[in-house]
PDB file of all heavy atoms in Angstrom:
ATOM      1  N   ILE A   1    -169.424 -22.340  26.019  1.00  0.00           N
ATOM      2  CA  ILE A   1    -170.727 -22.530  26.644  1.00  0.00           C
ATOM      3  C   ILE A   1    -171.690 -23.016  25.572  1.00  0.00           C
ATOM      4  O   ILE A   1    -171.740 -22.425  24.490  1.00  0.00           O
ATOM      5  CB  ILE A   1    -171.252 -21.207  27.250  1.00  0.00           C
ATOM      6  CG1 ILE A   1    -170.304 -20.701  28.340  1.00  0.00           C
ATOM      7  CG2 ILE A   1    -172.661 -21.381  27.809  1.00  0.00           C
ATOM      8  CD1 ILE A   1    -170.616 -19.282  28.806  1.00  0.00           C
ATOM      9  N   PRO A   2    -172.434 -24.094  25.781  1.00  0.00           N
ATOM     10  CA  PRO A   2    -173.368 -24.566  24.753  1.00  0.00           C
ATOM     11  C   PRO A   2    -174.342 -23.477  24.314  1.00  0.00           C
ATOM     12  O   PRO A   2    -175.089 -22.925  25.128  1.00  0.00           O
ATOM     13  CB  PRO A   2    -174.118 -25.712  25.442  1.00  0.00           C
ATOM     14  CG  PRO A   2    -173.173 -26.194  26.505  1.00  0.00           C
ATOM     15  CD  PRO A   2    -172.449 -24.964  26.985  1.00  0.00           C
ATOM     16  N   GLY A   3    -174.287 -23.142  23.030  1.00  0.00           N
ATOM     17  CA  GLY A   3    -175.147 -22.093  22.502  1.00  0.00           C
ATOM     18  C   GLY A   3    -174.752 -20.694  22.907  1.00  0.00           C
ATOM     19  O   GLY A   3    -175.426 -19.717  22.554  1.00  0.00           O
ATOM     20  N   GLY A   4    -173.671 -20.574  23.674  1.00  0.00           N
ATOM     21  CA  GLY A   4    -173.174 -19.266  24.065  1.00  0.00           C
ATOM     22  C   GLY A   4    -173.884 -18.628  25.244  1.00  0.00           C
ATOM     23  O   GLY A   4    -173.562 -17.503  25.621  1.00  0.00           O
ATOM     24  N   VAL A   5    -174.855 -19.333  25.818  1.00  0.00           N
ATOM     25  CA  VAL A   5    -175.648 -18.768  26.909  1.00  0.00           C
ATOM     26  C   VAL A   5    -175.883 -19.820  27.977  1.00  0.00           C
ATOM     27  O   VAL A   5    -175.776 -21.021  27.725  1.00  0.00           O
ATOM     28  CB  VAL A   5    -177.018 -18.244  26.411  1.00  0.00           C
ATOM     29  CG1 VAL A   5    -176.831 -17.076  25.454  1.00  0.00           C
ATOM     30  CG2 VAL A   5    -177.827 -19.358  25.751  1.00  0.00           C
ATOM     31  N   ASN A   6    -176.270 -19.366  29.167  1.00  0.00           N
ATOM     32  CA  ASN A   6    -176.538 -20.272  30.264  1.00  0.00           C
ATOM     33  C   ASN A   6    -178.016 -20.379  30.617  1.00  0.00           C
ATOM     34  O   ASN A   6    -178.376 -21.008  31.607  1.00  0.00           O
ATOM     35  CB  ASN A   6    -175.708 -19.861  31.481  1.00  0.00           C
ATOM     36  CG  ASN A   6    -174.235 -20.194  31.272  1.00  0.00           C
ATOM     37  OD1 ASN A   6    -173.869 -21.334  31.003  1.00  0.00           O
ATOM     38  ND2 ASN A   6    -173.381 -19.176  31.358  1.00  0.00           N
ATOM     39  N   SER A   7    -178.862 -19.798  29.794  1.00  0.00           N
ATOM     40  CA  SER A   7    -180.304 -20.015  29.829  1.00  0.00           C
ATOM     41  C   SER A   7    -180.785 -19.759  28.408  1.00  0.00           C
ATOM     42  O   SER A   7    -180.503 -18.686  27.848  1.00  0.00           O
ATOM     43  CB  SER A   7    -180.982 -19.079  30.831  1.00  0.00           C
ATOM     44  OG  SER A   7    -182.333 -19.452  31.078  1.00  0.00           O
ATOM     45  N   PRO A   8    -181.474 -20.712  27.777  1.00  0.00           N
ATOM     46  CA  PRO A   8    -181.656 -20.683  26.322  1.00  0.00           C
ATOM     47  C   PRO A   8    -182.272 -19.415  25.739  1.00  0.00           C
ATOM     48  O   PRO A   8    -181.889 -18.993  24.652  1.00  0.00           O
ATOM     49  CB  PRO A   8    -182.538 -21.909  26.060  1.00  0.00           C
ATOM     50  CG  PRO A   8    -182.148 -22.873  27.138  1.00  0.00           C
ATOM     51  CD  PRO A   8    -181.923 -22.011  28.345  1.00  0.00           C
ATOM     52  N   VAL A   9    -183.239 -18.785  26.423  1.00  0.00           N
ATOM     53  CA  VAL A   9    -183.912 -17.629  25.827  1.00  0.00           C
ATOM     54  C   VAL A   9    -182.937 -16.480  25.550  1.00  0.00           C
ATOM     55  O   VAL A   9    -183.175 -15.644  24.686  1.00  0.00           O
ATOM     56  CB  VAL A   9    -185.079 -17.158  26.730  1.00  0.00           C
ATOM     57  CG1 VAL A   9    -184.559 -16.473  27.991  1.00  0.00           C
ATOM     58  CG2 VAL A   9    -186.026 -16.235  25.967  1.00  0.00           C
ATOM     59  N   ARG A  10    -181.822 -16.445  26.259  1.00  0.00           N
ATOM     60  CA  ARG A  10    -180.852 -15.368  26.081  1.00  0.00           C
ATOM     61  C   ARG A  10    -180.169 -15.408  24.720  1.00  0.00           C
ATOM     62  O   ARG A  10    -179.560 -14.410  24.301  1.00  0.00           O
ATOM     63  CB  ARG A  10    -179.776 -15.442  27.169  1.00  0.00           C
ATOM     64  CG  ARG A  10    -180.307 -15.345  28.583  1.00  0.00           C
ATOM     65  CD  ARG A  10    -179.198 -15.535  29.597  1.00  0.00           C
ATOM     66  NE  ARG A  10    -179.717 -15.679  30.944  1.00  0.00           N
ATOM     67  CZ  ARG A  10    -178.965 -15.952  32.015  1.00  0.00           C
ATOM     68  NH1 ARG A  10    -177.661 -16.091  31.878  1.00  0.00           N
ATOM     69  NH2 ARG A  10    -179.529 -16.075  33.208  1.00  0.00           N
ATOM     70  N   ALA A  11    -180.258 -16.531  24.023  1.00  0.00           N
ATOM     71  CA  ALA A  11    -179.571 -16.683  22.750  1.00  0.00           C
ATOM     72  C   ALA A  11    -180.281 -15.990  21.594  1.00  0.00           C
ATOM     73  O   ALA A  11    -179.776 -15.974  20.468  1.00  0.00           O
ATOM     74  CB  ALA A  11    -179.380 -18.165  22.424  1.00  0.00           C
ATOM     75  N   PHE A  12    -181.483 -15.431  21.829  1.00  0.00           N
ATOM     76  CA  PHE A  12    -182.271 -14.761  20.790  1.00  0.00           C
ATOM     77  C   PHE A  12    -182.709 -15.730  19.694  1.00  0.00           C
ATOM     78  O   PHE A  12    -183.011 -15.295  18.568  1.00  0.00           O
ATOM     79  CB  PHE A  12    -181.496 -13.603  20.164  1.00  0.00           C
ATOM     80  CG  PHE A  12    -181.465 -12.330  20.975  1.00  0.00           C
ATOM     81  CD1 PHE A  12    -181.691 -12.339  22.343  1.00  0.00           C
ATOM     82  CD2 PHE A  12    -181.206 -11.105  20.364  1.00  0.00           C
ATOM     83  CE1 PHE A  12    -181.652 -11.163  23.087  1.00  0.00           C
ATOM     84  CE2 PHE A  12    -181.175  -9.925  21.104  1.00  0.00           C
ATOM     85  CZ  PHE A  12    -181.395  -9.949  22.456  1.00  0.00           C
ATOM     86  N   SER A  13    -182.799 -17.008  20.009  1.00  0.00           N
ATOM     87  CA  SER A  13    -183.170 -17.987  18.987  1.00  0.00           C
ATOM     88  C   SER A  13    -184.557 -17.722  18.417  1.00  0.00           C
ATOM     89  O   SER A  13    -184.810 -17.974  17.232  1.00  0.00           O
ATOM     90  CB  SER A  13    -183.106 -19.401  19.562  1.00  0.00           C
ATOM     91  OG  SER A  13    -181.802 -19.714  20.009  1.00  0.00           O
ATOM     92  N   ALA A  14    -185.467 -17.233  19.235  1.00  0.00           N
ATOM     93  CA  ALA A  14    -186.841 -17.012  18.794  1.00  0.00           C
ATOM     94  C   ALA A  14    -187.005 -15.760  17.953  1.00  0.00           C
ATOM     95  O   ALA A  14    -188.008 -15.611  17.250  1.00  0.00           O
ATOM     96  CB  ALA A  14    -187.778 -16.941  20.005  1.00  0.00           C
ATOM     97  N   VAL A  15    -186.035 -14.845  18.028  1.00  0.00           N
ATOM     98  CA  VAL A  15    -186.159 -13.569  17.326  1.00  0.00           C
ATOM     99  C   VAL A  15    -185.023 -13.322  16.344  1.00  0.00           C
ATOM    100  O   VAL A  15    -185.117 -12.446  15.475  1.00  0.00           O
ATOM    101  CB  VAL A  15    -186.239 -12.392  18.322  1.00  0.00           C
ATOM    102  CG1 VAL A  15    -187.545 -12.441  19.104  1.00  0.00           C
ATOM    103  CG2 VAL A  15    -185.043 -12.380  19.274  1.00  0.00           C
ATOM    104  N   GLY A  16    -183.929 -14.078  16.451  1.00  0.00           N
ATOM    105  CA  GLY A  16    -182.781 -13.868  15.587  1.00  0.00           C
ATOM    106  C   GLY A  16    -181.951 -12.656  16.009  1.00  0.00           C
ATOM    107  O   GLY A  16    -182.327 -11.884  16.882  1.00  0.00           O
ATOM    108  N   GLY A  17    -180.796 -12.510  15.384  1.00  0.00           N
ATOM    109  CA  GLY A  17    -179.942 -11.373  15.674  1.00  0.00           C
ATOM    110  C   GLY A  17    -178.920 -11.664  16.758  1.00  0.00           C
ATOM    111  O   GLY A  17    -178.778 -12.795  17.240  1.00  0.00           O
ATOM    112  N   THR A  18    -178.210 -10.637  17.144  1.00  0.00           N
ATOM    113  CA  THR A  18    -177.105 -10.746  18.092  1.00  0.00           C
ATOM    114  C   THR A  18    -177.577 -10.522  19.516  1.00  0.00           C
ATOM    115  O   THR A  18    -178.103  -9.450  19.833  1.00  0.00           O
ATOM    116  CB  THR A  18    -176.020  -9.697  17.765  1.00  0.00           C
ATOM    117  OG1 THR A  18    -175.539  -9.917  16.446  1.00  0.00           O
ATOM    118  CG2 THR A  18    -174.864  -9.791  18.752  1.00  0.00           C
ATOM    119  N   PRO A  19    -177.412 -11.509  20.403  1.00  0.00           N
ATOM    120  CA  PRO A  19    -177.727 -11.256  21.805  1.00  0.00           C
ATOM    121  C   PRO A  19    -176.845 -10.135  22.349  1.00  0.00           C
ATOM    122  O   PRO A  19    -175.646 -10.085  22.073  1.00  0.00           O
ATOM    123  CB  PRO A  19    -177.403 -12.587  22.492  1.00  0.00           C
ATOM    124  CG  PRO A  19    -177.353 -13.600  21.396  1.00  0.00           C
ATOM    125  CD  PRO A  19    -176.899 -12.871  20.175  1.00  0.00           C
ATOM    126  N   ARG A  20    -177.451  -9.253  23.119  1.00  0.00           N
ATOM    127  CA  ARG A  20    -176.693  -8.166  23.705  1.00  0.00           C
ATOM    128  C   ARG A  20    -176.031  -8.636  24.989  1.00  0.00           C
ATOM    129  O   ARG A  20    -176.697  -9.190  25.858  1.00  0.00           O
ATOM    130  CB  ARG A  20    -177.592  -6.961  23.976  1.00  0.00           C
ATOM    131  CG  ARG A  20    -178.371  -6.454  22.774  1.00  0.00           C
ATOM    132  CD  ARG A  20    -177.471  -6.118  21.576  1.00  0.00           C
ATOM    133  NE  ARG A  20    -178.156  -5.261  20.608  1.00  0.00           N
ATOM    134  CZ  ARG A  20    -178.693  -5.690  19.478  1.00  0.00           C
ATOM    135  NH1 ARG A  20    -178.601  -6.985  19.159  1.00  0.00           N
ATOM    136  NH2 ARG A  20    -179.305  -4.838  18.665  1.00  0.00           N
ATOM    137  N   PHE A  21    -174.741  -8.405  25.101  1.00  0.00           N
ATOM    138  CA  PHE A  21    -174.000  -8.730  26.308  1.00  0.00           C
ATOM    139  C   PHE A  21    -174.003  -7.503  27.207  1.00  0.00           C
ATOM    140  O   PHE A  21    -173.429  -6.473  26.879  1.00  0.00           O
ATOM    141  CB  PHE A  21    -172.577  -9.175  25.964  1.00  0.00           C
ATOM    142  CG  PHE A  21    -172.491 -10.632  25.604  1.00  0.00           C
ATOM    143  CD1 PHE A  21    -173.208 -11.130  24.529  1.00  0.00           C
ATOM    144  CD2 PHE A  21    -171.733 -11.520  26.349  1.00  0.00           C
ATOM    145  CE1 PHE A  21    -173.157 -12.480  24.194  1.00  0.00           C
ATOM    146  CE2 PHE A  21    -171.676 -12.868  26.034  1.00  0.00           C
ATOM    147  CZ  PHE A  21    -172.389 -13.351  24.950  1.00  0.00           C
ATOM    148  N   ILE A  22    -174.677  -7.609  28.318  1.00  0.00           N
ATOM    149  CA  ILE A  22    -174.873  -6.478  29.217  1.00  0.00           C
ATOM    150  C   ILE A  22    -173.704  -6.387  30.189  1.00  0.00           C
ATOM    151  O   ILE A  22    -173.297  -7.384  30.794  1.00  0.00           O
ATOM    152  CB  ILE A  22    -176.196  -6.603  29.977  1.00  0.00           C
ATOM    153  CG1 ILE A  22    -177.374  -6.776  28.990  1.00  0.00           C
ATOM    154  CG2 ILE A  22    -176.421  -5.402  30.878  1.00  0.00           C
ATOM    155  CD1 ILE A  22    -177.515  -5.652  27.976  1.00  0.00           C
ATOM    156  N   THR A  23    -173.187  -5.191  30.348  1.00  0.00           N
ATOM    157  CA  THR A  23    -172.044  -4.987  31.233  1.00  0.00           C
ATOM    158  C   THR A  23    -172.387  -4.173  32.474  1.00  0.00           C
ATOM    159  O   THR A  23    -171.644  -4.215  33.453  1.00  0.00           O
ATOM    160  CB  THR A  23    -170.897  -4.291  30.474  1.00  0.00           C
ATOM    161  OG1 THR A  23    -171.378  -3.078  29.874  1.00  0.00           O
ATOM    162  CG2 THR A  23    -170.362  -5.223  29.367  1.00  0.00           C
ATOM    163  N   SER A  24    -173.488  -3.425  32.447  1.00  0.00           N
ATOM    164  CA  SER A  24    -173.896  -2.683  33.625  1.00  0.00           C
ATOM    165  C   SER A  24    -175.362  -2.297  33.513  1.00  0.00           C
ATOM    166  O   SER A  24    -175.948  -2.318  32.424  1.00  0.00           O
ATOM    167  CB  SER A  24    -173.044  -1.413  33.814  1.00  0.00           C
ATOM    168  OG  SER A  24    -173.276  -0.488  32.761  1.00  0.00           O
ATOM    169  N   ALA A  25    -175.954  -1.965  34.646  1.00  0.00           N
ATOM    170  CA  ALA A  25    -177.344  -1.527  34.675  1.00  0.00           C
ATOM    171  C   ALA A  25    -177.536  -0.596  35.866  1.00  0.00           C
ATOM    172  O   ALA A  25    -176.940  -0.795  36.925  1.00  0.00           O
ATOM    173  CB  ALA A  25    -178.289  -2.718  34.762  1.00  0.00           C
ATOM    174  N   LYS A  26    -178.396   0.383  35.683  1.00  0.00           N
ATOM    175  CA  LYS A  26    -178.716   1.327  36.740  1.00  0.00           C
ATOM    176  C   LYS A  26    -180.144   1.784  36.544  1.00  0.00           C
ATOM    177  O   LYS A  26    -180.533   2.222  35.446  1.00  0.00           O
ATOM    178  CB  LYS A  26    -177.771   2.531  36.688  1.00  0.00           C
ATOM    179  CG  LYS A  26    -178.015   3.567  37.778  1.00  0.00           C
ATOM    180  CD  LYS A  26    -177.533   3.097  39.139  1.00  0.00           C
ATOM    181  CE  LYS A  26    -177.633   4.222  40.169  1.00  0.00           C
ATOM    182  NZ  LYS A  26    -177.209   3.757  41.528  1.00  0.00           N
ATOM    183  N   GLY A  27    -180.953   1.678  37.588  1.00  0.00           N
ATOM    184  CA  GLY A  27    -182.349   2.068  37.468  1.00  0.00           C
ATOM    185  C   GLY A  27    -183.061   1.211  36.441  1.00  0.00           C
ATOM    186  O   GLY A  27    -183.067  -0.015  36.531  1.00  0.00           O
ATOM    187  N   CYS A  28    -183.651   1.838  35.430  1.00  0.00           N
ATOM    188  CA  CYS A  28    -184.347   1.086  34.385  1.00  0.00           C
ATOM    189  C   CYS A  28    -183.534   0.992  33.099  1.00  0.00           C
ATOM    190  O   CYS A  28    -184.075   0.639  32.049  1.00  0.00           O
ATOM    191  CB  CYS A  28    -185.704   1.728  34.082  1.00  0.00           C
ATOM    192  SG  CYS A  28    -185.597   3.401  33.380  1.00  0.00           S
ATOM    193  N   TRP A  29    -182.216   1.280  33.172  1.00  0.00           N
ATOM    194  CA  TRP A  29    -181.386   1.305  31.981  1.00  0.00           C
ATOM    195  C   TRP A  29    -180.341   0.195  32.008  1.00  0.00           C
ATOM    196  O   TRP A  29    -179.662  -0.017  33.011  1.00  0.00           O
ATOM    197  CB  TRP A  29    -180.683   2.664  31.840  1.00  0.00           C
ATOM    198  CG  TRP A  29    -181.639   3.787  31.614  1.00  0.00           C
ATOM    199  CD1 TRP A  29    -182.240   4.563  32.575  1.00  0.00           C
ATOM    200  CD2 TRP A  29    -182.134   4.258  30.367  1.00  0.00           C
ATOM    201  NE1 TRP A  29    -183.066   5.490  31.994  1.00  0.00           N
ATOM    202  CE2 TRP A  29    -183.025   5.333  30.630  1.00  0.00           C
ATOM    203  CE3 TRP A  29    -181.898   3.882  29.041  1.00  0.00           C
ATOM    204  CZ2 TRP A  29    -183.683   6.019  29.623  1.00  0.00           C
ATOM    205  CZ3 TRP A  29    -182.561   4.578  28.029  1.00  0.00           C
ATOM    206  CH2 TRP A  29    -183.431   5.626  28.325  1.00  0.00           C
ATOM    207  N   LEU A  30    -180.201  -0.492  30.865  1.00  0.00           N
ATOM    208  CA  LEU A  30    -179.150  -1.470  30.636  1.00  0.00           C
ATOM    209  C   LEU A  30    -178.105  -0.863  29.706  1.00  0.00           C
ATOM    210  O   LEU A  30    -178.450  -0.113  28.787  1.00  0.00           O
ATOM    211  CB  LEU A  30    -179.700  -2.734  29.969  1.00  0.00           C
ATOM    212  CG  LEU A  30    -180.828  -3.496  30.654  1.00  0.00           C
ATOM    213  CD1 LEU A  30    -181.339  -4.596  29.724  1.00  0.00           C
ATOM    214  CD2 LEU A  30    -180.355  -4.092  31.968  1.00  0.00           C
ATOM    215  N   THR A  31    -176.844  -1.205  29.913  1.00  0.00           N
ATOM    216  CA  THR A  31    -175.776  -0.794  29.002  1.00  0.00           C
ATOM    217  C   THR A  31    -175.050  -2.035  28.521  1.00  0.00           C
ATOM    218  O   THR A  31    -174.641  -2.881  29.331  1.00  0.00           O
ATOM    219  CB  THR A  31    -174.782   0.157  29.690  1.00  0.00           C
ATOM    220  OG1 THR A  31    -175.484   1.306  30.186  1.00  0.00           O
ATOM    221  CG2 THR A  31    -173.707   0.613  28.717  1.00  0.00           C
ATOM    222  N   ASP A  32    -174.892  -2.188  27.195  1.00  0.00           N
ATOM    223  CA  ASP A  32    -174.224  -3.374  26.670  1.00  0.00           C
ATOM    224  C   ASP A  32    -172.740  -3.113  26.448  1.00  0.00           C
ATOM    225  O   ASP A  32    -172.230  -2.004  26.687  1.00  0.00           O
ATOM    226  CB  ASP A  32    -174.922  -3.891  25.408  1.00  0.00           C
ATOM    227  CG  ASP A  32    -174.765  -2.992  24.179  1.00  0.00           C
ATOM    228  OD1 ASP A  32    -173.909  -2.087  24.176  1.00  0.00           O
ATOM    229  OD2 ASP A  32    -175.514  -3.217  23.186  1.00  0.00           O
ATOM    230  N   ALA A  33    -172.048  -4.162  26.002  1.00  0.00           N
ATOM    231  CA  ALA A  33    -170.596  -4.095  25.862  1.00  0.00           C
ATOM    232  C   ALA A  33    -170.154  -3.045  24.854  1.00  0.00           C
ATOM    233  O   ALA A  33    -169.027  -2.538  24.915  1.00  0.00           O
ATOM    234  CB  ALA A  33    -170.058  -5.466  25.474  1.00  0.00           C
ATOM    235  N   ASP A  34    -171.039  -2.710  23.897  1.00  0.00           N
ATOM    236  CA  ASP A  34    -170.724  -1.698  22.892  1.00  0.00           C
ATOM    237  C   ASP A  34    -171.076  -0.285  23.335  1.00  0.00           C
ATOM    238  O   ASP A  34    -170.889   0.663  22.577  1.00  0.00           O
ATOM    239  CB  ASP A  34    -171.454  -2.020  21.591  1.00  0.00           C
ATOM    240  CG  ASP A  34    -170.968  -3.303  20.946  1.00  0.00           C
ATOM    241  OD1 ASP A  34    -169.970  -3.261  20.217  1.00  0.00           O
ATOM    242  OD2 ASP A  34    -171.583  -4.363  21.192  1.00  0.00           O
TER     243      ASP A  34
END
């Protein structure tokens, strides 16, 4: 996938670091792959 994402802001280009890959969410909580 170009840049690893399908919408540019998800790549964290503006802030740096590793984009979190989210695997589930419930209520106001996100859980990432780790």
